[in-house]
Amino acid sequence: MSRALEPAPQIFECTLRDGSYAVDFAFTAEYTATVVKALAELGFPYIEVGHGVGIGAHTRGIEAAATDLEYARATAANAGDQLWGMFAIPGMADVDEVEAVLAEGAGFMRVGLDPDRFDEGLRFIEKVNWGSTKVFVNFMKSHALNPDEMAARVRMLEDAGVDGAYLVDSSGGMLPSEIRDRADAMRSASDFLLGFHGHDNLGLATAHALSVADCGFDIIDATLQGLGRSAGNTSSERFIGLMTRLGWQHDYDLISVLKAGQELVRPEIPQAGYSGLDTLSGVYFFHTSFLPQLVEVGERFGVDPHLLMQGHYEMRQDSPDITLDQAAQALGGHEREISELHTAERYFGVPETGSP
């Protein structure tokens, strides 16, 4: 690692946003306030909160324990001088909803853009009155963009006045060379602020974080206990531990961070281990937000969901728009009526605890 004596990248702490997936969005405003206060005292410069799916999700049928504004107000009262913000996907969030959160004092906003909706996302960003709020763009499903495309989009965002861009391993399935090629291309394209958001479906999130940091990335997303959607994210504790071991300059107290994860977050983790479907999602770039649909289709057609995911991936090489239903039929499945889904608990488990 060549940057041993340089300042380490900043950690963007997203336990309360991405981690909320793992508890079925059950973090309350009160729990949010407690964790935000702890994260601020630990010195994390960016603290992301709110519904895991993003602003507006709770009004569109994806319930959470609090509203966007309740999360925002609980955070604003406890974040001190640290920047806090939320996540927004154009179409899930509308401009008025984003501006309502900004009015509560958000210091940053992350806007998630799918590869095929980039221009639409830029138009959304142009409509929002950001004031002095920092705007970061997540290149969701970055595996679908080649290095040259990533570099071109970084330059477009810089020209548009956005503050930073993110390489995002949404399915946790990118290989080290795939991460490095994209990170090098993005860094070579500009001195723009760059960040990385990794998922751990193949156990590579922390290694990828070290790799992009060595490329000169400025921000690494991480969560206490690695809590996050599917197989989780880069662990804040482990990444800080590795920075310490490597001699990178940082201001975190590793022991205090470890204790915070142990005392505040570990009791919230609903189950040990991970579903085999989580790992397979990394192998086949299957976004885990669609796992419930995969399991439902598998049960409805009598096709093992592991085989359905594999078959769907293989069929997509020739037919990119093939649906899960069509893939199940092609695999020999026959549709039947089901009164209830019996396989969900088997594959995903049931959270045993919520938030205090």
Foldseek 3Di string as FASTA:
>chain_A
DPCLAAAFFAEAAECAAQLCQQQLQEQALVLLLVLLLLVLVQPRQEYEHDYNVWAQQCVVPSNHNDHLVSNLLSNLVRNPPHAYEYEEEPVSDAQVRRVVSVVSPHQEYEYEDEPVCLVVSLVRVVPHPNPNHAYEYEHPPLVVPQQVRLLVVLVVCVVSVHQEYEDELQLQADDLVRLLSNLLSNVVSDVGAYEYWHACLVPCQLVSRVNSSVSVHRYYYEYDVQRGPARGHHHPLVNVVVSVVSNHDDDGDSVSSNVCSVPSPPVARQDDDGFPVSNLCNNLVPRCVCVVVLQVLCVQFVHDSSVLSVQVSVVCVVVVPDDSNNSSVVVVTDGDDDPDRPCCCVGGNDGPDGHD
